[in-house]
All heavy atoms as atom14 arrays in JSON, in Angstrom:
{
  "sequence": "LFYIILLGPIIEEIAFRLPLKPTRLNLAIGISFQIVIFLNIFEI",
  "atom14_mask": [
    [1, 1, 1, 1, 1, 1, 1, 1, 0, 0, 0, 0, 0, 0],
    [1, 1, 1, 1, 1, 1, 1, 1, 1, 1, 1, 0, 0, 0],
    [1, 1, 1, 1, 1, 1, 1, 1, 1, 1, 1, 1, 0, 0],
    [1, 1, 1, 1, 1, 1, 1, 1, 0, 0, 0, 0, 0, 0],
    [1, 1, 1, 1, 1, 1, 1, 1, 0, 0, 0, 0, 0, 0],
    [1, 1, 1, 1, 1, 1, 1, 1, 0, 0, 0, 0, 0, 0],
    [1, 1, 1, 1, 1, 1, 1, 1, 0, 0, 0, 0, 0, 0],
    [1, 1, 1, 1, 0, 0, 0, 0, 0, 0, 0, 0, 0, 0],
    [1, 1, 1, 1, 1, 1, 1, 0, 0, 0, 0, 0, 0, 0],
    [1, 1, 1, 1, 1, 1, 1, 1, 0, 0, 0, 0, 0, 0],
    [1, 1, 1, 1, 1, 1, 1, 1, 0, 0, 0, 0, 0, 0],
    [1, 1, 1, 1, 1, 1, 1, 1, 1, 0, 0, 0, 0, 0],
    [1, 1, 1, 1, 1, 1, 1, 1, 1, 0, 0, 0, 0, 0],
    [1, 1, 1, 1, 1, 1, 1, 1, 0, 0, 0, 0, 0, 0],
    [1, 1, 1, 1, 1, 0, 0, 0, 0, 0, 0, 0, 0, 0],
    [1, 1, 1, 1, 1, 1, 1, 1, 1, 1, 1, 0, 0, 0],
    [1, 1, 1, 1, 1, 1, 1, 1, 1, 1, 1, 0, 0, 0],
    [1, 1, 1, 1, 1, 1, 1, 1, 0, 0, 0, 0, 0, 0],
    [1, 1, 1, 1, 1, 1, 1, 0, 0, 0, 0, 0, 0, 0],
    [1, 1, 1, 1, 1, 1, 1, 1, 0, 0, 0, 0, 0, 0],
    [1, 1, 1, 1, 1, 1, 1, 1, 1, 0, 0, 0, 0, 0],
    [1, 1, 1, 1, 1, 1, 1, 0, 0, 0, 0, 0, 0, 0],
    [1, 1, 1, 1, 1, 1, 1, 0, 0, 0, 0, 0, 0, 0],
    [1, 1, 1, 1, 1, 1, 1, 1, 1, 1, 1, 0, 0, 0],
    [1, 1, 1, 1, 1, 1, 1, 1, 0, 0, 0, 0, 0, 0],
    [1, 1, 1, 1, 1, 1, 1, 1, 0, 0, 0, 0, 0, 0],
    [1, 1, 1, 1, 1, 1, 1, 1, 0, 0, 0, 0, 0, 0],
    [1, 1, 1, 1, 1, 0, 0, 0, 0, 0, 0, 0, 0, 0],
    [1, 1, 1, 1, 1, 1, 1, 1, 0, 0, 0, 0, 0, 0],
    [1, 1, 1, 1, 0, 0, 0, 0, 0, 0, 0, 0, 0, 0],
    [1, 1, 1, 1, 1, 1, 1, 1, 0, 0, 0, 0, 0, 0],
    [1, 1, 1, 1, 1, 1, 0, 0, 0, 0, 0, 0, 0, 0],
    [1, 1, 1, 1, 1, 1, 1, 1, 1, 1, 1, 0, 0, 0],
    [1, 1, 1, 1, 1, 1, 1, 1, 1, 0, 0, 0, 0, 0],
    [1, 1, 1, 1, 1, 1, 1, 1, 0, 0, 0, 0, 0, 0],
    [1, 1, 1, 1, 1, 1, 1, 0, 0, 0, 0, 0, 0, 0],
    [1, 1, 1, 1, 1, 1, 1, 1, 0, 0, 0, 0, 0, 0],
    [1, 1, 1, 1, 1, 1, 1, 1, 1, 1, 1, 0, 0, 0],
    [1, 1, 1, 1, 1, 1, 1, 1, 0, 0, 0, 0, 0, 0],
    [1, 1, 1, 1, 1, 1, 1, 1, 0, 0, 0, 0, 0, 0],
    [1, 1, 1, 1, 1, 1, 1, 1, 0, 0, 0, 0, 0, 0],
    [1, 1, 1, 1, 1, 1, 1, 1, 1, 1, 1, 0, 0, 0],
    [1, 1, 1, 1, 1, 1, 1, 1, 1, 0, 0, 0, 0, 0],
    [1, 1, 1, 1, 1, 1, 1, 1, 0, 0, 0, 0, 0, 0]
  ],
  "atom14_positions": [
    [[-33.79, -35.85, -32.82], [-34.08, -34.48, -33.38], [-35.33, -33.97, -32.72], [-35.47, -32.79, -32.43], [-34.18, -34.52, -34.87], [-32.9, -34.88, -35.61], [-33.15, -34.85, -37.11], [-31.8, -33.9, -35.26], [0.0, 0.0, 0.0], [0.0, 0.0, 0.0], [0.0, 0.0, 0.0], [0.0, 0.0, 0.0], [0.0, 0.0, 0.0], [0.0, 0.0, 0.0]],
    [[-36.32, -34.84, -32.52], [-37.54, -34.46, -31.82], [-37.27, -33.99, -30.41], [-37.83, -33.01, -29.93], [-38.54, -35.65, -31.79], [-39.73, -35.45, -30.87], [-40.82, -34.68, -31.22], [-39.73, -36.05, -29.61], [-41.88, -34.48, -30.38], [-40.79, -35.87, -28.71], [-41.89, -35.1, -29.14], [0.0, 0.0, 0.0], [0.0, 0.0, 0.0], [0.0, 0.0, 0.0]],
    [[-36.36, -34.68, -29.74], [-35.96, -34.29, -28.39], [-35.31, -32.95, -28.43], [-35.63, -32.08, -27.58], [-34.98, -35.32, -27.8], [-34.34, -34.87, -26.53], [-34.99, -34.94, -25.33], [-33.04, -34.3, -26.55], [-34.38, -34.48, -24.18], [-32.43, -33.88, -25.41], [-33.13, -33.96, -24.2], [-32.52, -33.49, -23.06], [0.0, 0.0, 0.0], [0.0, 0.0, 0.0]],
    [[-34.45, -32.69, -29.37], [-33.74, -31.41, -29.44], [-34.73, -30.25, -29.67], [-34.59, -29.18, -29.06], [-32.62, -31.43, -30.52], [-31.57, -32.46, -30.16], [-32.06, -30.05, -30.75], [-30.58, -32.71, -31.29], [0.0, 0.0, 0.0], [0.0, 0.0, 0.0], [0.0, 0.0, 0.0], [0.0, 0.0, 0.0], [0.0, 0.0, 0.0], [0.0, 0.0, 0.0]],
    [[-35.66, -30.46, -30.58], [-36.58, -29.39, -30.95], [-37.64, -29.13, -29.91], [-37.97, -28.01, -29.63], [-37.25, -29.72, -32.31], [-36.18, -29.66, -33.43], [-38.36, -28.74, -32.62], [-36.7, -30.12, -34.79], [0.0, 0.0, 0.0], [0.0, 0.0, 0.0], [0.0, 0.0, 0.0], [0.0, 0.0, 0.0], [0.0, 0.0, 0.0], [0.0, 0.0, 0.0]],
    [[-38.18, -30.19, -29.28], [-39.34, -30.01, -28.43], [-39.06, -30.34, -26.98], [-39.2, -29.52, -26.09], [-40.49, -30.89, -28.94], [-41.84, -30.7, -28.24], [-42.34, -29.28, -28.33], [-42.88, -31.66, -28.8], [0.0, 0.0, 0.0], [0.0, 0.0, 0.0], [0.0, 0.0, 0.0], [0.0, 0.0, 0.0], [0.0, 0.0, 0.0], [0.0, 0.0, 0.0]],
    [[-38.68, -31.57, -26.69], [-38.55, -32.02, -25.32], [-37.38, -31.33, -24.55], [-37.49, -30.96, -23.4], [-38.34, -33.57, -25.26], [-38.51, -34.2, -23.86], [-39.89, -33.85, -23.32], [-38.36, -35.72, -24.0], [0.0, 0.0, 0.0], [0.0, 0.0, 0.0], [0.0, 0.0, 0.0], [0.0, 0.0, 0.0], [0.0, 0.0, 0.0], [0.0, 0.0, 0.0]],
    [[-36.29, -31.14, -25.32], [-35.13, -30.45, -24.69], [-35.5, -29.04, -24.2], [-35.2, -28.7, -23.05], [0.0, 0.0, 0.0], [0.0, 0.0, 0.0], [0.0, 0.0, 0.0], [0.0, 0.0, 0.0], [0.0, 0.0, 0.0], [0.0, 0.0, 0.0], [0.0, 0.0, 0.0], [0.0, 0.0, 0.0], [0.0, 0.0, 0.0], [0.0, 0.0, 0.0]],
    [[-36.1, -28.22, -25.05], [-36.53, -26.87, -24.6], [-37.48, -26.91, -23.4], [-37.39, -26.05, -22.52], [-37.18, -26.31, -25.84], [-36.51, -26.96, -26.98], [-36.26, -28.36, -26.5], [0.0, 0.0, 0.0], [0.0, 0.0, 0.0], [0.0, 0.0, 0.0], [0.0, 0.0, 0.0], [0.0, 0.0, 0.0], [0.0, 0.0, 0.0], [0.0, 0.0, 0.0]],
    [[-38.39, -27.86, -23.39], [-39.32, -27.98, -22.27], [-38.6, -28.16, -20.95], [-38.8, -27.46, -19.93], [-40.41, -29.05, -22.49], [-41.29, -28.71, -23.65], [-41.21, -29.3, -21.19], [-42.28, -29.82, -24.05], [0.0, 0.0, 0.0], [0.0, 0.0, 0.0], [0.0, 0.0, 0.0], [0.0, 0.0, 0.0], [0.0, 0.0, 0.0], [0.0, 0.0, 0.0]],
    [[-37.65, -29.13, -20.95], [-36.89, -29.46, -19.76], [-35.99, -28.29, -19.37], [-35.93, -27.89, -18.18], [-36.06, -30.76, -19.95], [-36.96, -31.96, -20.11], [-35.02, -30.93, -18.83], [-36.2, -33.21, -20.47], [0.0, 0.0, 0.0], [0.0, 0.0, 0.0], [0.0, 0.0, 0.0], [0.0, 0.0, 0.0], [0.0, 0.0, 0.0], [0.0, 0.0, 0.0]],
    [[-35.35, -27.73, -20.32], [-34.39, -26.57, -20.04], [-35.15, -25.31, -19.57], [-34.65, -24.63, -18.66], [-33.56, -26.29, -21.29], [-32.56, -27.38, -21.56], [-31.83, -27.15, -22.86], [-32.14, -26.19, -23.6], [-30.9, -27.96, -23.22], [0.0, 0.0, 0.0], [0.0, 0.0, 0.0], [0.0, 0.0, 0.0], [0.0, 0.0, 0.0], [0.0, 0.0, 0.0]],
    [[-36.29, -25.04, -20.14], [-37.05, -23.88, -19.7], [-37.58, -24.08, -18.27], [-37.55, -23.12, -17.46], [-38.26, -23.61, -20.64], [-37.8, -23.08, -22.02], [-36.99, -21.77, -21.9], [-37.46, -20.8, -21.2], [-35.86, -21.76, -22.39], [0.0, 0.0, 0.0], [0.0, 0.0, 0.0], [0.0, 0.0, 0.0], [0.0, 0.0, 0.0], [0.0, 0.0, 0.0]],
    [[-38.01, -25.27, -17.94], [-38.45, -25.56, -16.58], [-37.28, -25.4, -15.59], [-37.41, -24.81, -14.5], [-39.08, -26.97, -16.47], [-40.37, -27.02, -17.22], [-39.32, -27.33, -14.98], [-41.0, -28.39, -17.3], [0.0, 0.0, 0.0], [0.0, 0.0, 0.0], [0.0, 0.0, 0.0], [0.0, 0.0, 0.0], [0.0, 0.0, 0.0], [0.0, 0.0, 0.0]],
    [[-36.13, -25.89, -16.01], [-34.95, -25.87, -15.14], [-34.4, -24.49, -14.95], [-34.05, -24.03, -13.83], [-33.89, -26.78, -15.65], [0.0, 0.0, 0.0], [0.0, 0.0, 0.0], [0.0, 0.0, 0.0], [0.0, 0.0, 0.0], [0.0, 0.0, 0.0], [0.0, 0.0, 0.0], [0.0, 0.0, 0.0], [0.0, 0.0, 0.0], [0.0, 0.0, 0.0]],
    [[-34.27, -23.71, -16.01], [-33.54, -22.44, -15.94], [-34.34, -21.2, -16.11], [-33.85, -20.09, -15.77], [-32.44, -22.45, -17.06], [-31.45, -23.59, -16.88], [-31.51, -24.7, -17.7], [-30.47, -23.51, -15.9], [-30.62, -25.73, -17.55], [-29.56, -24.55, -15.76], [-29.67, -25.63, -16.54], [0.0, 0.0, 0.0], [0.0, 0.0, 0.0], [0.0, 0.0, 0.0]],
    [[-35.57, -21.23, -16.57], [-36.4, -20.03, -16.64], [-37.55, -19.99, -15.71], [-37.95, -18.95, -15.27], [-36.9, -19.86, -18.1], [-36.33, -18.63, -18.83], [-34.86, -18.76, -19.22], [-34.68, -19.83, -20.23], [-33.45, -20.17, -20.63], [-32.35, -19.66, -20.12], [-33.35, -21.17, -21.53], [0.0, 0.0, 0.0], [0.0, 0.0, 0.0], [0.0, 0.0, 0.0]],
    [[-38.14, -21.1, -15.39], [-39.23, -21.14, -14.42], [-38.88, -20.46, -13.11], [-39.64, -19.68, -12.58], [-39.72, -22.6, -14.22], [-40.97, -22.74, -13.33], [-42.17, -22.11, -14.01], [-41.22, -24.19, -12.99], [0.0, 0.0, 0.0], [0.0, 0.0, 0.0], [0.0, 0.0, 0.0], [0.0, 0.0, 0.0], [0.0, 0.0, 0.0], [0.0, 0.0, 0.0]],
    [[-37.66, -20.73, -12.55], [-37.3, -20.11, -11.25], [-37.12, -18.63, -11.27], [-36.9, -18.03, -10.19], [-36.0, -20.88, -10.86], [-35.96, -22.04, -11.71], [-36.61, -21.64, -13.01], [0.0, 0.0, 0.0], [0.0, 0.0, 0.0], [0.0, 0.0, 0.0], [0.0, 0.0, 0.0], [0.0, 0.0, 0.0], [0.0, 0.0, 0.0], [0.0, 0.0, 0.0]],
    [[-37.11, -18.01, -12.44], [-36.8, -16.59, -12.5], [-37.91, -15.73, -11.86], [-37.7, -14.6, -11.55], [-36.56, -16.17, -13.96], [-35.39, -16.85, -14.7], [-35.15, -16.16, -16.06], [-34.15, -16.86, -13.85], [0.0, 0.0, 0.0], [0.0, 0.0, 0.0], [0.0, 0.0, 0.0], [0.0, 0.0, 0.0], [0.0, 0.0, 0.0], [0.0, 0.0, 0.0]],
    [[-39.06, -16.34, -11.75], [-40.13, -15.8, -10.9], [-40.05, -16.62, -9.66], [-40.62, -17.67, -9.51], [-41.47, -15.94, -11.56], [-41.71, -15.17, -12.81], [-42.16, -13.73, -12.51], [-42.59, -13.02, -13.84], [-43.08, -11.68, -13.6], [0.0, 0.0, 0.0], [0.0, 0.0, 0.0], [0.0, 0.0, 0.0], [0.0, 0.0, 0.0], [0.0, 0.0, 0.0]],
    [[-39.29, -16.12, -8.63], [-38.87, -17.04, -7.51], [-39.9, -17.31, -6.44], [-39.79, -16.87, -5.33], [-37.65, -16.26, -6.92], [-37.91, -14.85, -7.24], [-38.64, -14.84, -8.55], [0.0, 0.0, 0.0], [0.0, 0.0, 0.0], [0.0, 0.0, 0.0], [0.0, 0.0, 0.0], [0.0, 0.0, 0.0], [0.0, 0.0, 0.0], [0.0, 0.0, 0.0]],
    [[-40.94, -18.05, -6.85], [-41.92, -18.48, -5.86], [-41.43, -19.82, -5.29], [-40.54, -20.45, -5.87], [-43.31, -18.68, -6.51], [-43.22, -19.75, -7.48], [-43.79, -17.44, -7.2], [0.0, 0.0, 0.0], [0.0, 0.0, 0.0], [0.0, 0.0, 0.0], [0.0, 0.0, 0.0], [0.0, 0.0, 0.0], [0.0, 0.0, 0.0], [0.0, 0.0, 0.0]],
    [[-41.99, -20.26, -4.25], [-41.58, -21.5, -3.63], [-41.67, -22.7, -4.58], [-40.79, -23.5, -4.7], [-42.45, -21.75, -2.36], [-42.05, -22.92, -1.53], [-43.01, -23.07, -0.36], [-42.7, -24.26, 0.44], [-43.43, -24.65, 1.46], [-44.57, -24.04, 1.73], [-43.1, -25.73, 2.17], [0.0, 0.0, 0.0], [0.0, 0.0, 0.0], [0.0, 0.0, 0.0]],
    [[-42.77, -22.77, -5.29], [-42.99, -23.9, -6.22], [-42.06, -23.8, -7.41], [-41.45, -24.83, -7.8], [-44.47, -23.91, -6.7], [-44.85, -25.0, -7.66], [-44.68, -26.36, -7.04], [-46.29, -24.82, -8.13], [0.0, 0.0, 0.0], [0.0, 0.0, 0.0], [0.0, 0.0, 0.0], [0.0, 0.0, 0.0], [0.0, 0.0, 0.0], [0.0, 0.0, 0.0]],
    [[-41.94, -22.63, -7.99], [-41.03, -22.47, -9.14], [-39.59, -22.8, -8.79], [-38.88, -23.5, -9.55], [-41.06, -21.01, -9.64], [-42.36, -20.69, -10.36], [-43.23, -21.58, -10.6], [-42.59, -19.46, -10.7], [0.0, 0.0, 0.0], [0.0, 0.0, 0.0], [0.0, 0.0, 0.0], [0.0, 0.0, 0.0], [0.0, 0.0, 0.0], [0.0, 0.0, 0.0]],
    [[-39.17, -22.37, -7.61], [-37.79, -22.62, -7.16], [-37.6, -24.13, -6.96], [-36.54, -24.72, -7.32], [-37.45, -21.84, -5.91], [-37.29, -20.35, -6.05], [-37.25, -19.65, -4.71], [-36.02, -20.01, -6.83], [0.0, 0.0, 0.0], [0.0, 0.0, 0.0], [0.0, 0.0, 0.0], [0.0, 0.0, 0.0], [0.0, 0.0, 0.0], [0.0, 0.0, 0.0]],
    [[-38.54, -24.77, -6.32], [-38.43, -26.18, -5.97], [-38.33, -27.03, -7.27], [-37.46, -27.91, -7.36], [-39.63, -26.63, -5.17], [0.0, 0.0, 0.0], [0.0, 0.0, 0.0], [0.0, 0.0, 0.0], [0.0, 0.0, 0.0], [0.0, 0.0, 0.0], [0.0, 0.0, 0.0], [0.0, 0.0, 0.0], [0.0, 0.0, 0.0], [0.0, 0.0, 0.0]],
    [[-39.19, -26.76, -8.22], [-39.17, -27.5, -9.48], [-37.85, -27.22, -10.27], [-37.21, -28.13, -10.8], [-40.39, -27.14, -10.34], [-41.62, -27.61, -9.65], [-40.27, -27.78, -11.74], [-42.95, -27.17, -10.36], [0.0, 0.0, 0.0], [0.0, 0.0, 0.0], [0.0, 0.0, 0.0], [0.0, 0.0, 0.0], [0.0, 0.0, 0.0], [0.0, 0.0, 0.0]],
    [[-37.49, -25.96, -10.34], [-36.27, -25.6, -11.02], [-35.05, -26.25, -10.44], [-34.17, -26.77, -11.13], [0.0, 0.0, 0.0], [0.0, 0.0, 0.0], [0.0, 0.0, 0.0], [0.0, 0.0, 0.0], [0.0, 0.0, 0.0], [0.0, 0.0, 0.0], [0.0, 0.0, 0.0], [0.0, 0.0, 0.0], [0.0, 0.0, 0.0], [0.0, 0.0, 0.0]],
    [[-34.93, -26.25, -9.11], [-33.79, -26.84, -8.43], [-33.71, -28.32, -8.72], [-32.66, -28.89, -9.02], [-33.87, -26.61, -6.88], [-33.61, -25.14, -6.56], [-32.89, -27.52, -6.18], [-33.96, -24.76, -5.12], [0.0, 0.0, 0.0], [0.0, 0.0, 0.0], [0.0, 0.0, 0.0], [0.0, 0.0, 0.0], [0.0, 0.0, 0.0], [0.0, 0.0, 0.0]],
    [[-34.85, -29.01, -8.6], [-34.85, -30.47, -8.87], [-34.47, -30.82, -10.29], [-33.71, -31.76, -10.54], [-36.23, -31.06, -8.5], [-37.22, -30.6, -9.4], [0.0, 0.0, 0.0], [0.0, 0.0, 0.0], [0.0, 0.0, 0.0], [0.0, 0.0, 0.0], [0.0, 0.0, 0.0], [0.0, 0.0, 0.0], [0.0, 0.0, 0.0], [0.0, 0.0, 0.0]],
    [[-34.97, -30.05, -11.26], [-34.6, -30.29, -12.64], [-33.15, -30.08, -12.88], [-32.48, -30.85, -13.64], [-35.45, -29.41, -13.56], [-36.78, -30.02, -13.99], [-37.73, -30.35, -13.06], [-37.07, -30.24, -15.31], [-38.95, -30.89, -13.41], [-38.25, -30.81, -15.74], [-39.19, -31.17, -14.81], [0.0, 0.0, 0.0], [0.0, 0.0, 0.0], [0.0, 0.0, 0.0]],
    [[-32.57, -29.0, -12.31], [-31.17, -28.72, -12.49], [-30.31, -29.81, -11.85], [-29.28, -30.23, -12.42], [-30.82, -27.37, -11.92], [-31.35, -26.2, -12.76], [-30.75, -24.91, -12.32], [-29.59, -24.81, -11.87], [-31.47, -23.79, -12.48], [0.0, 0.0, 0.0], [0.0, 0.0, 0.0], [0.0, 0.0, 0.0], [0.0, 0.0, 0.0], [0.0, 0.0, 0.0]],
    [[-30.69, -30.32, -10.69], [-29.91, -31.39, -10.02], [-29.85, -32.6, -10.93], [-28.71, -33.12, -11.09], [-30.61, -31.76, -8.66], [-30.4, -30.64, -7.62], [-30.01, -33.08, -8.16], [-31.14, -30.84, -6.35], [0.0, 0.0, 0.0], [0.0, 0.0, 0.0], [0.0, 0.0, 0.0], [0.0, 0.0, 0.0], [0.0, 0.0, 0.0], [0.0, 0.0, 0.0]],
    [[-30.92, -33.04, -11.51], [-30.93, -34.2, -12.36], [-30.09, -33.92, -13.63], [-29.36, -34.81, -14.1], [-32.34, -34.63, -12.74], [-32.33, -35.81, -13.73], [-33.07, -35.05, -11.44], [0.0, 0.0, 0.0], [0.0, 0.0, 0.0], [0.0, 0.0, 0.0], [0.0, 0.0, 0.0], [0.0, 0.0, 0.0], [0.0, 0.0, 0.0], [0.0, 0.0, 0.0]],
    [[-30.21, -32.74, -14.18], [-29.45, -32.38, -15.38], [-27.92, -32.48, -15.09], [-27.18, -33.04, -15.89], [-29.83, -30.96, -15.89], [-31.21, -30.97, -16.51], [-28.75, -30.45, -16.86], [-31.68, -29.6, -16.83], [0.0, 0.0, 0.0], [0.0, 0.0, 0.0], [0.0, 0.0, 0.0], [0.0, 0.0, 0.0], [0.0, 0.0, 0.0], [0.0, 0.0, 0.0]],
    [[-27.51, -31.91, -13.96], [-26.08, -31.93, -13.62], [-25.61, -33.35, -13.24], [-24.48, -33.73, -13.61], [-25.8, -30.93, -12.49], [-25.96, -29.51, -12.9], [-26.68, -28.63, -12.13], [-25.3, -29.03, -13.98], [-26.84, -27.28, -12.53], [-25.43, -27.69, -14.41], [-26.2, -26.82, -13.65], [0.0, 0.0, 0.0], [0.0, 0.0, 0.0], [0.0, 0.0, 0.0]],
    [[-26.42, -34.14, -12.59], [-26.06, -35.49, -12.27], [-25.87, -36.31, -13.57], [-24.99, -37.15, -13.67], [-27.16, -36.18, -11.42], [-27.24, -35.69, -9.93], [-28.46, -36.39, -9.27], [-25.95, -36.02, -9.16], [0.0, 0.0, 0.0], [0.0, 0.0, 0.0], [0.0, 0.0, 0.0], [0.0, 0.0, 0.0], [0.0, 0.0, 0.0], [0.0, 0.0, 0.0]],
    [[-26.72, -36.02, -14.56], [-26.61, -36.66, -15.85], [-25.36, -36.25, -16.57], [-24.65, -37.08, -17.17], [-27.87, -36.38, -16.68], [-27.84, -37.12, -18.01], [-27.92, -38.33, -18.07], [-27.74, -36.37, -19.11], [0.0, 0.0, 0.0], [0.0, 0.0, 0.0], [0.0, 0.0, 0.0], [0.0, 0.0, 0.0], [0.0, 0.0, 0.0], [0.0, 0.0, 0.0]],
    [[-25.04, -34.92, -16.53], [-23.86, -34.4, -17.24], [-22.58, -35.07, -16.65], [-21.7, -35.42, -17.45], [-23.79, -32.88, -17.07], [-24.84, -32.2, -17.97], [-22.41, -32.37, -17.43], [-24.98, -30.72, -17.79], [0.0, 0.0, 0.0], [0.0, 0.0, 0.0], [0.0, 0.0, 0.0], [0.0, 0.0, 0.0], [0.0, 0.0, 0.0], [0.0, 0.0, 0.0]],
    [[-22.54, -35.18, -15.36], [-21.34, -35.79, -14.72], [-21.42, -37.33, -14.64], [-20.58, -37.91, -14.0], [-21.14, -35.21, -13.36], [-20.77, -33.75, -13.34], [-21.69, -32.75, -12.93], [-19.5, -33.36, -13.75], [-21.32, -31.39, -12.96], [-19.16, -32.0, -13.78], [-20.02, -31.05, -13.38], [0.0, 0.0, 0.0], [0.0, 0.0, 0.0], [0.0, 0.0, 0.0]],
    [[-22.41, -37.87, -15.37], [-22.55, -39.29, -15.5], [-22.67, -40.03, -14.14], [-22.22, -41.13, -13.98], [-21.39, -39.88, -16.28], [-21.33, -39.35, -17.74], [-20.23, -39.91, -18.55], [-19.34, -40.59, -17.95], [-20.25, -39.79, -19.8], [0.0, 0.0, 0.0], [0.0, 0.0, 0.0], [0.0, 0.0, 0.0], [0.0, 0.0, 0.0], [0.0, 0.0, 0.0]],
    [[-23.28, -39.35, -13.14], [-23.54, -39.97, -11.91], [-24.78, -40.85, -11.95], [-24.9, -41.85, -11.26], [-23.67, -38.88, -10.78], [-22.4, -38.13, -10.66], [-24.11, -39.51, -9.44], [-22.47, -36.93, -9.75], [0.0, 0.0, 0.0], [0.0, 0.0, 0.0], [0.0, 0.0, 0.0], [0.0, 0.0, 0.0], [0.0, 0.0, 0.0], [0.0, 0.0, 0.0]]
  ]
}
């Protein structure tokens, strides 16, 4: 429940909202976070 309330939002905001200001750093971090999220979803 702690993960859902706190850690989950931190990871998801970095992955999906940080890149909305598309600087080189924001895009790089957002892309890497999304890659790991999708690899985890597909159980790779």
